[in-house]
Amino acid sequence: MKKLDYLLVAPGLCVVATCYGLARYAYGLFLPIFRQELAISEAWLAYIAAFSYASYFLITLFISVFSSLIKPRTSLLWGGLCAVAGMLLIAPPFSSVIVSSAGYMARMNTVSPVVFSRFKRWMSEQDDRENLKRTRDKRQAEVVDLLVAEYLPHLQIES
C-alpha cells in the first residue's frame, strides 16, 4: 500500500470502529428497558444483537463495492450519520442547561439520568461481573437516583 492509502484507510477504520462501538454500547445501555418495555426474552435480545452484527457485516461488503463509486469522505459521512440517526431514534431525550464555575452557560444533551440509573442497577445484578464493579455500579445508580429525586423531581424513577 502507498502512503496515501494509509492516510485514507486509517481514518476510515477509526470512524467505522467508533460508530459501531458507540452503537453497540448504546444497545447495551438500553437492554434493561427493551426487556421490560417490550417483554422480550434474553434470547431475543441476543438475536437482535446478532442481527445487528450480521447487518453491519453485509453493509460493510456493500460499502466496499459502493465506495469505489463515491468519494471516501462521503461514505464516511454517511456512515457516521446513520449511526447518529440510529442513536437518536432509540434514546430517550435529556437536555439541560449547565453553568460552569466561570459562569459560562451551555446546553448539555445526554442520556436520561433515569436510563443511566436503570442500566447501572441492572449491571450491578449481573452474576458474572466482578464484585468491585458490581458495587461501583450499584453506588452510581443510588447516587444518580438521589440526585434525580432532589434536583430533577419531574423525572419519574420507576422501580
Foldseek 3Di string as FASTA:
>chain_A
DDPVVCVLVVVLVVLLCVLVVVLVVLLLLCVVVCCVVVVDDPVVSVVVVVVVVVVSVVVVVVCVVVCVVDPSVVVSVVSNVVSVVVSVVPADWDKDWDADPVGDIDIDIDGDLLSQLVSLQVVLPDPVDDPVSSVVSNVSSVVSVVCCVVPVVVDDRDD
